[in-house]
PDB file of N, CA and C in Angstrom:
ATOM      1  N   MET A   1      93.790 140.359 120.998  1.00  0.00           N
ATOM      2  CA  MET A   1      92.902 139.224 121.020  1.00  0.00           C
ATOM      3  C   MET A   1      92.558 138.889 122.465  1.00  0.00           C
ATOM      4  N   LYS A   2      91.285 138.684 122.723  1.00  0.00           N
ATOM      5  CA  LYS A   2      90.844 138.350 124.076  1.00  0.00           C
ATOM      6  C   LYS A   2      91.151 136.894 124.375  1.00  0.00           C
ATOM      7  N   SER A   3      91.193 136.571 125.655  1.00  0.00           N
ATOM      8  CA  SER A   3      91.503 135.195 126.039  1.00  0.00           C
ATOM      9  C   SER A   3      90.391 134.234 125.601  1.00  0.00           C
ATOM     10  N   GLU A   4      89.127 134.720 125.567  1.00  0.00           N
ATOM     11  CA  GLU A   4      88.028 133.858 125.111  1.00  0.00           C
ATOM     12  C   GLU A   4      88.186 133.539 123.624  1.00  0.00           C
ATOM     13  N   ASP A   5      88.619 134.530 122.846  1.00  0.00           N
ATOM     14  CA  ASP A   5      88.837 134.325 121.421  1.00  0.00           C
ATOM     15  C   ASP A   5      89.982 133.346 121.179  1.00  0.00           C
ATOM     16  N   SER A   6      91.023 133.465 121.963  1.00  0.00           N
ATOM     17  CA  SER A   6      92.155 132.553 121.832  1.00  0.00           C
ATOM     18  C   SER A   6      91.748 131.125 122.162  1.00  0.00           C
ATOM     19  N   LEU A   7      90.966 130.982 123.222  1.00  0.00           N
ATOM     20  CA  LEU A   7      90.496 129.661 123.626  1.00  0.00           C
ATOM     21  C   LEU A   7      89.581 129.051 122.553  1.00  0.00           C
ATOM     22  N   ALA A   8      88.718 129.866 121.999  1.00  0.00           N
ATOM     23  CA  ALA A   8      87.824 129.386 120.943  1.00  0.00           C
ATOM     24  C   ALA A   8      88.619 128.959 119.710  1.00  0.00           C
ATOM     25  N   LEU A   9      89.633 129.726 119.365  1.00  0.00           N
ATOM     26  CA  LEU A   9      90.464 129.388 118.216  1.00  0.00           C
ATOM     27  C   LEU A   9      91.225 128.087 118.458  1.00  0.00           C
ATOM     28  N   ILE A  10      91.770 127.920 119.632  1.00  0.00           N
ATOM     29  CA  ILE A  10      92.495 126.681 119.970  1.00  0.00           C
ATOM     30  C   ILE A  10      91.547 125.493 119.924  1.00  0.00           C
ATOM     31  N   LEU A  11      90.348 125.654 120.449  1.00  0.00           N
ATOM     32  CA  LEU A  11      89.363 124.580 120.443  1.00  0.00           C
ATOM     33  C   LEU A  11      88.971 124.222 119.009  1.00  0.00           C
ATOM     34  N   PHE A  12      88.726 125.232 118.195  1.00  0.00           N
ATOM     35  CA  PHE A  12      88.355 124.994 116.795  1.00  0.00           C
ATOM     36  C   PHE A  12      89.468 124.270 116.052  1.00  0.00           C
ATOM     37  N   LEU A  13      90.704 124.735 116.195  1.00  0.00           N
ATOM     38  CA  LEU A  13      91.819 124.105 115.508  1.00  0.00           C
ATOM     39  C   LEU A  13      92.054 122.682 115.995  1.00  0.00           C
ATOM     40  N   SER A  14      91.862 122.444 117.278  1.00  0.00           N
ATOM     41  CA  SER A  14      92.013 121.092 117.818  1.00  0.00           C
ATOM     42  C   SER A  14      90.964 120.146 117.237  1.00  0.00           C
ATOM     43  N   LEU A  15      89.711 120.596 117.201  1.00  0.00           N
ATOM     44  CA  LEU A  15      88.648 119.764 116.647  1.00  0.00           C
ATOM     45  C   LEU A  15      88.850 119.538 115.148  1.00  0.00           C
ATOM     46  N   PHE A  16      89.301 120.564 114.442  1.00  0.00           N
ATOM     47  CA  PHE A  16      89.584 120.420 113.017  1.00  0.00           C
ATOM     48  C   PHE A  16      90.694 119.402 112.783  1.00  0.00           C
ATOM     49  N   PHE A  17      91.737 119.448 113.584  1.00  0.00           N
ATOM     50  CA  PHE A  17      92.854 118.515 113.456  1.00  0.00           C
ATOM     51  C   PHE A  17      92.398 117.086 113.722  1.00  0.00           C
ATOM     52  N   ILE A  18      91.586 116.886 114.749  1.00  0.00           N
ATOM     53  CA  ILE A  18      91.073 115.551 115.073  1.00  0.00           C
ATOM     54  C   ILE A  18      90.190 115.030 113.935  1.00  0.00           C
ATOM     55  N   ALA A  19      89.313 115.873 113.400  1.00  0.00           N
ATOM     56  CA  ALA A  19      88.453 115.468 112.286  1.00  0.00           C
ATOM     57  C   ALA A  19      89.287 115.142 111.047  1.00  0.00           C
ATOM     58  N   PHE A  20      90.340 115.897 110.813  1.00  0.00           N
ATOM     59  CA  PHE A  20      91.217 115.652 109.670  1.00  0.00           C
ATOM     60  C   PHE A  20      91.917 114.302 109.802  1.00  0.00           C
ATOM     61  N   ILE A  21      92.427 113.993 110.980  1.00  0.00           N
ATOM     62  CA  ILE A  21      93.096 112.711 111.222  1.00  0.00           C
ATOM     63  C   ILE A  21      92.106 111.555 111.051  1.00  0.00           C
ATOM     64  N   MET A  22      90.883 111.714 111.554  1.00  0.00           N
ATOM     65  CA  MET A  22      89.871 110.666 111.398  1.00  0.00           C
ATOM     66  C   MET A  22      89.515 110.463 109.931  1.00  0.00           C
ATOM     67  N   ALA A  23      89.409 111.527 109.170  1.00  0.00           N
ATOM     68  CA  ALA A  23      89.095 111.421 107.744  1.00  0.00           C
ATOM     69  C   ALA A  23      90.215 110.702 106.993  1.00  0.00           C
ATOM     70  N   ILE A  24      91.454 111.031 107.298  1.00  0.00           N
ATOM     71  CA  ILE A  24      92.592 110.363 106.666  1.00  0.00           C
ATOM     72  C   ILE A  24      92.586 108.877 107.003  1.00  0.00           C
ATOM     73  N   PHE A  25      92.295 108.547 108.250  1.00  0.00           N
ATOM     74  CA  PHE A  25      92.248 107.145 108.679  1.00  0.00           C
ATOM     75  C   PHE A  25      91.154 106.382 107.928  1.00  0.00           C
ATOM     76  N   LEU A  26      89.987 106.977 107.777  1.00  0.00           N
ATOM     77  CA  LEU A  26      88.902 106.314 107.054  1.00  0.00           C
ATOM     78  C   LEU A  26      89.206 106.179 105.561  1.00  0.00           C
ATOM     79  N   ILE A  27      89.925 107.128 104.999  1.00  0.00           N
ATOM     80  CA  ILE A  27      90.338 107.011 103.596  1.00  0.00           C
ATOM     81  C   ILE A  27      91.307 105.847 103.430  1.00  0.00           C
ATOM     82  N   ILE A  28      92.225 105.700 104.377  1.00  0.00           N
ATOM     83  CA  ILE A  28      93.158 104.567 104.342  1.00  0.00           C
ATOM     84  C   ILE A  28      92.397 103.249 104.442  1.00  0.00           C
ATOM     85  N   CYS A  29      91.405 103.201 105.317  1.00  0.00           N
ATOM     86  CA  CYS A  29      90.596 101.992 105.463  1.00  0.00           C
ATOM     87  C   CYS A  29      89.846 101.680 104.174  1.00  0.00           C
ATOM     88  N   GLN A  30      89.244 102.695 103.566  1.00  0.00           N
ATOM     89  CA  GLN A  30      88.509 102.462 102.327  1.00  0.00           C
ATOM     90  C   GLN A  30      89.471 102.033 101.214  1.00  0.00           C
ATOM     91  N   TRP A  31      90.652 102.590 101.193  1.00  0.00           N
ATOM     92  CA  TRP A  31      91.670 102.211 100.214  1.00  0.00           C
ATOM     93  C   TRP A  31      91.947 100.705 100.337  1.00  0.00           C
ATOM     94  N   LYS A  32      92.181 100.231 101.566  1.00  0.00           N
ATOM     95  CA  LYS A  32      92.470  98.815 101.805  1.00  0.00           C
ATOM     96  C   LYS A  32      91.283  97.935 101.421  1.00  0.00           C
ATOM     97  N   ILE A  33      90.064  98.389 101.685  1.00  0.00           N
ATOM     98  CA  ILE A  33      88.867  97.628 101.327  1.00  0.00           C
ATOM     99  C   ILE A  33      88.776  97.493  99.809  1.00  0.00           C
ATOM    100  N   PHE A  34      89.032  98.571  99.096  1.00  0.00           N
ATOM    101  CA  PHE A  34      88.989  98.530  97.629  1.00  0.00           C
ATOM    102  C   PHE A  34      90.035  97.558  97.088  1.00  0.00           C
ATOM    103  N   VAL A  35      91.235  97.588  97.658  1.00  0.00           N
ATOM    104  CA  VAL A  35      92.295  96.693  97.205  1.00  0.00           C
ATOM    105  C   VAL A  35      91.910  95.235  97.483  1.00  0.00           C
ATOM    106  N   LYS A  36      91.318  94.968  98.644  1.00  0.00           N
ATOM    107  CA  LYS A  36      90.862  93.614  98.968  1.00  0.00           C
ATOM    108  C   LYS A  36      89.840  93.115  97.957  1.00  0.00           C
ATOM    109  N   ALA A  37      89.025  94.017  97.454  1.00  0.00           N
ATOM    110  CA  ALA A  37      87.991  93.651  96.496  1.00  0.00           C
ATOM    111  C   ALA A  37      88.513  93.616  95.061  1.00  0.00           C
ATOM    112  N   GLY A  38      89.796  93.860  94.872  1.00  0.00           N
ATOM    113  CA  GLY A  38      90.382  93.817  93.537  1.00  0.00           C
ATOM    114  C   GLY A  38      90.168  95.079  92.728  1.00  0.00           C
ATOM    115  N   LYS A  39      89.847  96.155  93.382  1.00  0.00           N
ATOM    116  CA  LYS A  39      89.653  97.444  92.713  1.00  0.00           C
ATOM    117  C   LYS A  39      90.848  98.337  93.016  1.00  0.00           C
ATOM    118  N   PRO A  40      91.063  99.391  92.233  1.00  0.00           N
ATOM    119  CA  PRO A  40      92.210 100.268  92.509  1.00  0.00           C
ATOM    120  C   PRO A  40      92.014 101.049  93.814  1.00  0.00           C
ATOM    121  N   GLY A  41      93.037 101.062  94.648  1.00  0.00           N
ATOM    122  CA  GLY A  41      92.949 101.756  95.928  1.00  0.00           C
ATOM    123  C   GLY A  41      92.790 103.253  95.794  1.00  0.00           C
ATOM    124  N   TRP A  42      93.393 103.825  94.755  1.00  0.00           N
ATOM    125  CA  TRP A  42      93.316 105.275  94.572  1.00  0.00           C
ATOM    126  C   TRP A  42      91.885 105.744  94.365  1.00  0.00           C
ATOM    127  N   ALA A  43      90.980 104.847  94.009  1.00  0.00           N
ATOM    128  CA  ALA A  43      89.582 105.233  93.802  1.00  0.00           C
ATOM    129  C   ALA A  43      88.949 105.744  95.095  1.00  0.00           C
ATOM    130  N   ALA A  44      89.524 105.413  96.228  1.00  0.00           N
ATOM    131  CA  ALA A  44      88.978 105.858  97.512  1.00  0.00           C
ATOM    132  C   ALA A  44      89.086 107.366  97.699  1.00  0.00           C
ATOM    133  N   ILE A  45      89.985 108.013  96.968  1.00  0.00           N
ATOM    134  CA  ILE A  45      90.168 109.448  97.174  1.00  0.00           C
ATOM    135  C   ILE A  45      89.492 110.303  96.108  1.00  0.00           C
ATOM    136  N   VAL A  46      88.832 109.664  95.142  1.00  0.00           N
ATOM    137  CA  VAL A  46      88.125 110.407  94.090  1.00  0.00           C
ATOM    138  C   VAL A  46      86.651 110.469  94.474  1.00  0.00           C
ATOM    139  N   PRO A  47      86.110 111.661  94.738  1.00  0.00           N
ATOM    140  CA  PRO A  47      84.806 111.808  95.370  1.00  0.00           C
ATOM    141  C   PRO A  47      83.632 111.032  94.781  1.00  0.00           C
ATOM    142  N   VAL A  48      83.300 111.143  93.544  1.00  0.00           N
ATOM    143  CA  VAL A  48      82.123 110.448  93.010  1.00  0.00           C
ATOM    144  C   VAL A  48      82.499 109.045  92.548  1.00  0.00           C
ATOM    145  N   TYR A  49      83.698 108.911  92.041  1.00  0.00           N
ATOM    146  CA  TYR A  49      84.134 107.617  91.530  1.00  0.00           C
ATOM    147  C   TYR A  49      84.170 106.559  92.628  1.00  0.00           C
ATOM    148  N   ASN A  50      84.478 106.946  93.877  1.00  0.00           N
ATOM    149  CA  ASN A  50      84.525 105.946  94.939  1.00  0.00           C
ATOM    150  C   ASN A  50      83.153 105.331  95.194  1.00  0.00           C
ATOM    151  N   GLN A  51      82.080 106.088  95.013  1.00  0.00           N
ATOM    152  CA  GLN A  51      80.737 105.521  95.146  1.00  0.00           C
ATOM    153  C   GLN A  51      80.442 104.559  93.997  1.00  0.00           C
ATOM    154  N   MET A  52      80.956 104.869  92.823  1.00  0.00           N
ATOM    155  CA  MET A  52      80.761 103.984  91.684  1.00  0.00           C
ATOM    156  C   MET A  52      81.508 102.665  91.883  1.00  0.00           C
ATOM    157  N   VAL A  53      82.705 102.736  92.426  1.00  0.00           N
ATOM    158  CA  VAL A  53      83.470 101.526  92.727  1.00  0.00           C
ATOM    159  C   VAL A  53      82.783 100.737  93.840  1.00  0.00           C
ATOM    160  N   LEU A  54      82.227 101.439  94.813  1.00  0.00           N
ATOM    161  CA  LEU A  54      81.490 100.776  95.889  1.00  0.00           C
ATOM    162  C   LEU A  54      80.299  99.996  95.328  1.00  0.00           C
ATOM    163  N   ALA A  55      79.631 100.554  94.333  1.00  0.00           N
ATOM    164  CA  ALA A  55      78.524  99.844  93.681  1.00  0.00           C
ATOM    165  C   ALA A  55      79.034  98.590  92.975  1.00  0.00           C
ATOM    166  N   GLU A  56      80.181  98.688  92.318  1.00  0.00           N
ATOM    167  CA  GLU A  56      80.760  97.514  91.660  1.00  0.00           C
ATOM    168  C   GLU A  56      81.128  96.435  92.668  1.00  0.00           C
ATOM    169  N   ILE A  57      81.679  96.835  93.814  1.00  0.00           N
ATOM    170  CA  ILE A  57      82.013  95.867  94.863  1.00  0.00           C
ATOM    171  C   ILE A  57      80.752  95.179  95.355  1.00  0.00           C
ATOM    172  N   GLY A  58      79.661  95.930  95.410  1.00  0.00           N
ATOM    173  CA  GLY A  58      78.389  95.371  95.843  1.00  0.00           C
ATOM    174  C   GLY A  58      77.663  94.587  94.771  1.00  0.00           C
ATOM    175  N   GLY A  59      78.275  94.428  93.603  1.00  0.00           N
ATOM    176  CA  GLY A  59      77.690  93.608  92.568  1.00  0.00           C
ATOM    177  C   GLY A  59      76.699  94.317  91.672  1.00  0.00           C
ATOM    178  N   LYS A  60      76.711  95.624  91.654  1.00  0.00           N
ATOM    179  CA  LYS A  60      75.821  96.400  90.787  1.00  0.00           C
ATOM    180  C   LYS A  60      76.651  97.158  89.756  1.00  0.00           C
ATOM    181  N   PRO A  61      76.023  97.580  88.653  1.00  0.00           N
ATOM    182  CA  PRO A  61      76.761  98.398  87.679  1.00  0.00           C
ATOM    183  C   PRO A  61      77.247  99.700  88.314  1.00  0.00           C
ATOM    184  N   ASP A  62      78.350 100.210  87.801  1.00  0.00           N
ATOM    185  CA  ASP A  62      78.955 101.394  88.418  1.00  0.00           C
ATOM    186  C   ASP A  62      78.052 102.618  88.417  1.00  0.00           C
ATOM    187  N   VAL A  63      77.127 102.734  87.475  1.00  0.00           N
ATOM    188  CA  VAL A  63      76.254 103.909  87.449  1.00  0.00           C
ATOM    189  C   VAL A  63      75.322 103.948  88.663  1.00  0.00           C
ATOM    190  N   TRP A  64      75.123 102.826  89.316  1.00  0.00           N
ATOM    191  CA  TRP A  64      74.312 102.817  90.534  1.00  0.00           C
ATOM    192  C   TRP A  64      74.995 103.610  91.653  1.00  0.00           C
ATOM    193  N   GLY A  65      76.298 103.826  91.517  1.00  0.00           N
ATOM    194  CA  GLY A  65      77.020 104.629  92.487  1.00  0.00           C
ATOM    195  C   GLY A  65      76.673 106.104  92.411  1.00  0.00           C
ATOM    196  N   LEU A  66      75.963 106.510  91.380  1.00  0.00           N
ATOM    197  CA  LEU A  66      75.525 107.906  91.257  1.00  0.00           C
ATOM    198  C   LEU A  66      74.228 108.167  92.014  1.00  0.00           C
ATOM    199  N   LEU A  67      73.516 107.124  92.393  1.00  0.00           N
ATOM    200  CA  LEU A  67      72.239 107.298  93.088  1.00  0.00           C
ATOM    201  C   LEU A  67      72.351 108.045  94.418  1.00  0.00           C
ATOM    202  N   PRO A  68      73.455 107.895  95.187  1.00  0.00           N
ATOM    203  CA  PRO A  68      73.561 108.690  96.421  1.00  0.00           C
ATOM    204  C   PRO A  68      73.609 110.204  96.202  1.00  0.00           C
ATOM    205  N   LEU A  69      73.783 110.642  94.967  1.00  0.00           N
ATOM    206  CA  LEU A  69      73.818 112.077  94.683  1.00  0.00           C
ATOM    207  C   LEU A  69      72.421 112.696  94.597  1.00  0.00           C
ATOM    208  N   ILE A  70      71.381 111.857  94.580  1.00  0.00           N
ATOM    209  CA  ILE A  70      70.012 112.357  94.494  1.00  0.00           C
ATOM    210  C   ILE A  70      69.650 113.007  95.832  1.00  0.00           C
ATOM    211  N   PRO A  71      69.162 114.241  95.813  1.00  0.00           N
ATOM    212  CA  PRO A  71      68.822 114.913  97.070  1.00  0.00           C
ATOM    213  C   PRO A  71      67.756 114.152  97.868  1.00  0.00           C
ATOM    214  N   TYR A  72      67.891 114.187  99.169  1.00  0.00           N
ATOM    215  CA  TYR A  72      66.964 113.627 100.154  1.00  0.00           C
ATOM    216  C   TYR A  72      66.970 112.104 100.213  1.00  0.00           C
ATOM    217  N   ILE A  73      66.871 111.410  99.101  1.00  0.00           N
ATOM    218  CA  ILE A  73      66.855 109.952  99.172  1.00  0.00           C
ATOM    219  C   ILE A  73      68.237 109.353  98.942  1.00  0.00           C
ATOM    220  N   GLY A  74      69.210 110.187  98.712  1.00  0.00           N
ATOM    221  CA  GLY A  74      70.573 109.712  98.506  1.00  0.00           C
ATOM    222  C   GLY A  74      71.122 108.985  99.715  1.00  0.00           C
ATOM    223  N   ILE A  75      70.705 109.370 100.910  1.00  0.00           N
ATOM    224  CA  ILE A  75      71.178 108.698 102.123  1.00  0.00           C
ATOM    225  C   ILE A  75      70.722 107.251 102.152  1.00  0.00           C
ATOM    226  N   ILE A  76      69.531 106.987 101.631  1.00  0.00           N
ATOM    227  CA  ILE A  76      69.021 105.610 101.577  1.00  0.00           C
ATOM    228  C   ILE A  76      69.885 104.788 100.626  1.00  0.00           C
ATOM    229  N   TRP A  77      70.212 105.362  99.476  1.00  0.00           N
ATOM    230  CA  TRP A  77      71.065 104.651  98.527  1.00  0.00           C
ATOM    231  C   TRP A  77      72.460 104.437  99.097  1.00  0.00           C
ATOM    232  N   SER A  78      72.976 105.389  99.859  1.00  0.00           N
ATOM    233  CA  SER A  78      74.294 105.239 100.473  1.00  0.00           C
ATOM    234  C   SER A  78      74.309 104.077 101.455  1.00  0.00           C
ATOM    235  N   ILE A  79      73.269 104.000 102.274  1.00  0.00           N
ATOM    236  CA  ILE A  79      73.162 102.896 103.230  1.00  0.00           C
ATOM    237  C   ILE A  79      73.054 101.569 102.478  1.00  0.00           C
ATOM    238  N   TRP A  80      72.292 101.567 101.399  1.00  0.00           N
ATOM    239  CA  TRP A  80      72.117 100.360 100.598  1.00  0.00           C
ATOM    240  C   TRP A  80      73.450  99.910 100.005  1.00  0.00           C
ATOM    241  N   LEU A  81      74.266 100.860  99.510  1.00  0.00           N
ATOM    242  CA  LEU A  81      75.575 100.506  98.958  1.00  0.00           C
ATOM    243  C   LEU A  81      76.505  99.951 100.037  1.00  0.00           C
ATOM    244  N   VAL A  82      76.473 100.535 101.225  1.00  0.00           N
ATOM    245  CA  VAL A  82      77.302 100.039 102.324  1.00  0.00           C
ATOM    246  C   VAL A  82      76.850  98.626 102.703  1.00  0.00           C
ATOM    247  N   ASN A  83      75.537  98.376 102.706  1.00  0.00           N
ATOM    248  CA  ASN A  83      75.034  97.047 103.018  1.00  0.00           C
ATOM    249  C   ASN A  83      75.495  96.027 101.979  1.00  0.00           C
ATOM    250  N   ARG A  84      75.436  96.383 100.720  1.00  0.00           N
ATOM    251  CA  ARG A  84      75.876  95.467  99.657  1.00  0.00           C
ATOM    252  C   ARG A  84      77.384  95.219  99.757  1.00  0.00           C
ATOM    253  N   MET A  85      78.158  96.248 100.132  1.00  0.00           N
ATOM    254  CA  MET A  85      79.589  96.054 100.306  1.00  0.00           C
ATOM    255  C   MET A  85      79.857  95.075 101.446  1.00  0.00           C
ATOM    256  N   ALA A  86      79.154  95.242 102.568  1.00  0.00           N
ATOM    257  CA  ALA A  86      79.343  94.349 103.710  1.00  0.00           C
ATOM    258  C   ALA A  86      78.989  92.907 103.331  1.00  0.00           C
ATOM    259  N   LYS A  87      77.912  92.719 102.595  1.00  0.00           N
ATOM    260  CA  LYS A  87      77.524  91.377 102.164  1.00  0.00           C
ATOM    261  C   LYS A  87      78.549  90.785 101.212  1.00  0.00           C
ATOM    262  N   SER A  88      79.217  91.626 100.431  1.00  0.00           N
ATOM    263  CA  SER A  88      80.245  91.144  99.510  1.00  0.00           C
ATOM    264  C   SER A  88      81.475  90.633 100.243  1.00  0.00           C
ATOM    265  N   PHE A  89      81.619  91.009 101.496  1.00  0.00           N
ATOM    266  CA  PHE A  89      82.707  90.507 102.325  1.00  0.00           C
ATOM    267  C   PHE A  89      82.213  89.446 103.300  1.00  0.00           C
ATOM    268  N   GLY A  90      80.994  88.957 103.100  1.00  0.00           N
ATOM    269  CA  GLY A  90      80.454  87.894 103.939  1.00  0.00           C
ATOM    270  C   GLY A  90      79.896  88.366 105.267  1.00  0.00           C
ATOM    271  N   LYS A  91      79.620  89.633 105.401  1.00  0.00           N
ATOM    272  CA  LYS A  91      79.088  90.179 106.649  1.00  0.00           C
ATOM    273  C   LYS A  91      77.563  90.313 106.551  1.00  0.00           C
ATOM    274  N   ASP A  92      76.930  90.536 107.696  1.00  0.00           N
ATOM    275  CA  ASP A  92      75.467  90.617 107.724  1.00  0.00           C
ATOM    276  C   ASP A  92      75.006  92.040 108.018  1.00  0.00           C
ATOM    277  N   VAL A  93      73.710  92.176 108.276  1.00  0.00           N
ATOM    278  CA  VAL A  93      73.106  93.492 108.501  1.00  0.00           C
ATOM    279  C   VAL A  93      73.657  94.149 109.767  1.00  0.00           C
ATOM    280  N   GLY A  94      73.954  93.367 110.778  1.00  0.00           N
ATOM    281  CA  GLY A  94      74.529  93.928 112.003  1.00  0.00           C
ATOM    282  C   GLY A  94      75.849  94.623 111.741  1.00  0.00           C
ATOM    283  N   PHE A  95      76.663  94.041 110.875  1.00  0.00           N
ATOM    284  CA  PHE A  95      77.938  94.664 110.525  1.00  0.00           C
ATOM    285  C   PHE A  95      77.703  95.943 109.735  1.00  0.00           C
ATOM    286  N   THR A  96      76.663  95.931 108.898  1.00  0.00           N
ATOM    287  CA  THR A  96      76.309  97.147 108.154  1.00  0.00           C
ATOM    288  C   THR A  96      75.953  98.276 109.113  1.00  0.00           C
ATOM    289  N   LEU A  97      75.181  97.961 110.129  1.00  0.00           N
ATOM    290  CA  LEU A  97      74.835  98.976 111.132  1.00  0.00           C
ATOM    291  C   LEU A  97      76.085  99.498 111.830  1.00  0.00           C
ATOM    292  N   GLY A  98      77.035  98.615 112.087  1.00  0.00           N
ATOM    293  CA  GLY A  98      78.303  99.047 112.669  1.00  0.00           C
ATOM    294  C   GLY A  98      79.071  99.968 111.733  1.00  0.00           C
ATOM    295  N   LEU A  99      79.074  99.651 110.439  1.00  0.00           N
ATOM    296  CA  LEU A  99      79.753 100.512 109.469  1.00  0.00           C
ATOM    297  C   LEU A  99      79.120 101.894 109.412  1.00  0.00           C
ATOM    298  N   ILE A 100      77.810 101.954 109.614  1.00  0.00           N
ATOM    299  CA  ILE A 100      77.106 103.236 109.538  1.00  0.00           C
ATOM    300  C   ILE A 100      77.279 104.054 110.809  1.00  0.00           C
ATOM    301  N   PHE A 101      77.076 103.413 111.969  1.00  0.00           N
ATOM    302  CA  PHE A 101      77.051 104.167 113.230  1.00  0.00           C
ATOM    303  C   PHE A 101      78.397 104.216 113.955  1.00  0.00           C
ATOM    304  N   LEU A 102      79.277 103.268 113.706  1.00  0.00           N
ATOM    305  CA  LEU A 102      80.601 103.252 114.342  1.00  0.00           C
ATOM    306  C   LEU A 102      81.683 103.007 113.288  1.00  0.00           C
ATOM    307  N   PRO A 103      81.806 103.901 112.335  1.00  0.00           N
ATOM    308  CA  PRO A 103      82.742 103.647 111.233  1.00  0.00           C
ATOM    309  C   PRO A 103      84.202 103.561 111.662  1.00  0.00           C
ATOM    310  N   LEU A 104      84.589 104.264 112.716  1.00  0.00           N
ATOM    311  CA  LEU A 104      85.985 104.224 113.156  1.00  0.00           C
ATOM    312  C   LEU A 104      86.369 102.873 113.746  1.00  0.00           C
ATOM    313  N   ILE A 105      85.386 102.050 114.058  1.00  0.00           N
ATOM    314  CA  ILE A 105      85.654 100.711 114.577  1.00  0.00           C
ATOM    315  C   ILE A 105      85.478  99.665 113.483  1.00  0.00           C
ATOM    316  N   PHE A 106      84.398  99.745 112.717  1.00  0.00           N
ATOM    317  CA  PHE A 106      84.055  98.682 111.788  1.00  0.00           C
ATOM    318  C   PHE A 106      84.784  98.758 110.449  1.00  0.00           C
ATOM    319  N   TYR A 107      85.091  99.942 109.948  1.00  0.00           N
ATOM    320  CA  TYR A 107      85.862 100.024 108.708  1.00  0.00           C
ATOM    321  C   TYR A 107      87.263  99.436 108.880  1.00  0.00           C
ATOM    322  N   PRO A 108      87.976  99.710 109.992  1.00  0.00           N
ATOM    323  CA  PRO A 108      89.278  99.057 110.171  1.00  0.00           C
ATOM    324  C   PRO A 108      89.167  97.538 110.316  1.00  0.00           C
ATOM    325  N   ILE A 109      88.073  97.057 110.921  1.00  0.00           N
ATOM    326  CA  ILE A 109      87.884  95.604 111.016  1.00  0.00           C
ATOM    327  C   ILE A 109      87.786  95.011 109.620  1.00  0.00           C
ATOM    328  N   LEU A 110      87.034  95.662 108.753  1.00  0.00           N
ATOM    329  CA  LEU A 110      86.874  95.181 107.385  1.00  0.00           C
ATOM    330  C   LEU A 110      88.167  95.344 106.588  1.00  0.00           C
ATOM    331  N   ALA A 111      88.863  96.446 106.812  1.00  0.00           N
ATOM    332  CA  ALA A 111      90.067  96.741 106.022  1.00  0.00           C
ATOM    333  C   ALA A 111      91.272  95.913 106.457  1.00  0.00           C
ATOM    334  N   PHE A 112      91.507  95.813 107.739  1.00  0.00           N
ATOM    335  CA  PHE A 112      92.735  95.194 108.231  1.00  0.00           C
ATOM    336  C   PHE A 112      92.511  93.815 108.829  1.00  0.00           C
ATOM    337  N   GLY A 113      91.265  93.372 108.910  1.00  0.00           N
ATOM    338  CA  GLY A 113      90.955  92.056 109.456  1.00  0.00           C
ATOM    339  C   GLY A 113      91.203  90.960 108.438  1.00  0.00           C
ATOM    340  N   LYS A 114      90.821  89.745 108.814  1.00  0.00           N
ATOM    341  CA  LYS A 114      91.052  88.584 107.960  1.00  0.00           C
ATOM    342  C   LYS A 114      89.923  88.336 106.968  1.00  0.00           C
ATOM    343  N   THR A 115      88.924  89.212 106.939  1.00  0.00           N
ATOM    344  CA  THR A 115      87.824  89.025 106.003  1.00  0.00           C
ATOM    345  C   THR A 115      88.323  89.131 104.563  1.00  0.00           C
ATOM    346  N   GLU A 116      87.729  88.308 103.716  1.00  0.00           N
ATOM    347  CA  GLU A 116      88.108  88.305 102.306  1.00  0.00           C
ATOM    348  C   GLU A 116      86.897  88.651 101.461  1.00  0.00           C
ATOM    349  N   TYR A 117      87.177  89.206 100.330  1.00  0.00           N
ATOM    350  CA  TYR A 117      86.121  89.545  99.382  1.00  0.00           C
ATOM    351  C   TYR A 117      85.608  88.254  98.750  1.00  0.00           C
ATOM    352  N   VAL A 118      84.302  88.005  98.891  1.00  0.00           N
ATOM    353  CA  VAL A 118      83.704  86.795  98.324  1.00  0.00           C
ATOM    354  C   VAL A 118      82.728  87.117  97.202  1.00  0.00           C
ATOM    355  N   GLY A 119      82.474  88.368  96.969  1.00  0.00           N
ATOM    356  CA  GLY A 119      81.479  88.769  95.969  1.00  0.00           C
ATOM    357  C   GLY A 119      80.104  88.798  96.607  1.00  0.00           C
ATOM    358  N   HIS A 120      79.222  89.542  96.003  1.00  0.00           N
ATOM    359  CA  HIS A 120      77.865  89.656  96.558  1.00  0.00           C
ATOM    360  C   HIS A 120      77.097  88.375  96.313  1.00  0.00           C
ATOM    361  N   PRO A 121      76.342  87.890  97.320  1.00  0.00           N
ATOM    362  CA  PRO A 121      75.610  86.627  97.159  1.00  0.00           C
ATOM    363  C   PRO A 121      74.540  86.648  96.086  1.00  0.00           C
ATOM    364  N   ASP A 122      74.033  87.812  95.694  1.00  0.00           N
ATOM    365  CA  ASP A 122      72.989  87.896  94.661  1.00  0.00           C
ATOM    366  C   ASP A 122      73.551  87.748  93.250  1.00  0.00           C
ATOM    367  N   VAL A 123      74.859  87.941  93.099  1.00  0.00           N
ATOM    368  CA  VAL A 123      75.464  87.943  91.773  1.00  0.00           C
ATOM    369  C   VAL A 123      75.957  86.534  91.444  1.00  0.00           C
ATOM    370  N   LYS A 124      75.513  86.017  90.321  1.00  0.00           N
ATOM    371  CA  LYS A 124      75.956  84.696  89.857  1.00  0.00           C
ATOM    372  C   LYS A 124      77.222  84.853  89.037  1.00  0.00           C
ATOM    373  N   ASN A 125      78.205  84.042  89.345  1.00  0.00           N
ATOM    374  CA  ASN A 125      79.479  84.117  88.603  1.00  0.00           C
ATOM    375  C   ASN A 125      79.497  83.179  87.438  1.00  0.00           C
TER     376      ASN A 125
END
């Protein structure tokens, strides 16, 4: 093995390890957010079901969580679900932008901070 190949392999494994740790951290944050909202925490690790639970947290029926699976426009629905989740915790659009562009900072604020689940403002109880 050449030294360039060894260096490339070390770099790849290092980046993979860092990405893996970040993914685990975000899963833990989402788990805590789900628990705060009164939903099962384990739903954070089930790929499609977590979007359905996110829709419920945002005050919509769970089938709305399937909309992010639509090709091309699914990203719009994903952003919309994150916005509804932020509003359900009493946050505004600025916090939604933070959740989208700086998730390693804003998801822990939502998960481990003093914010409480208040329900979505559009939903009448």
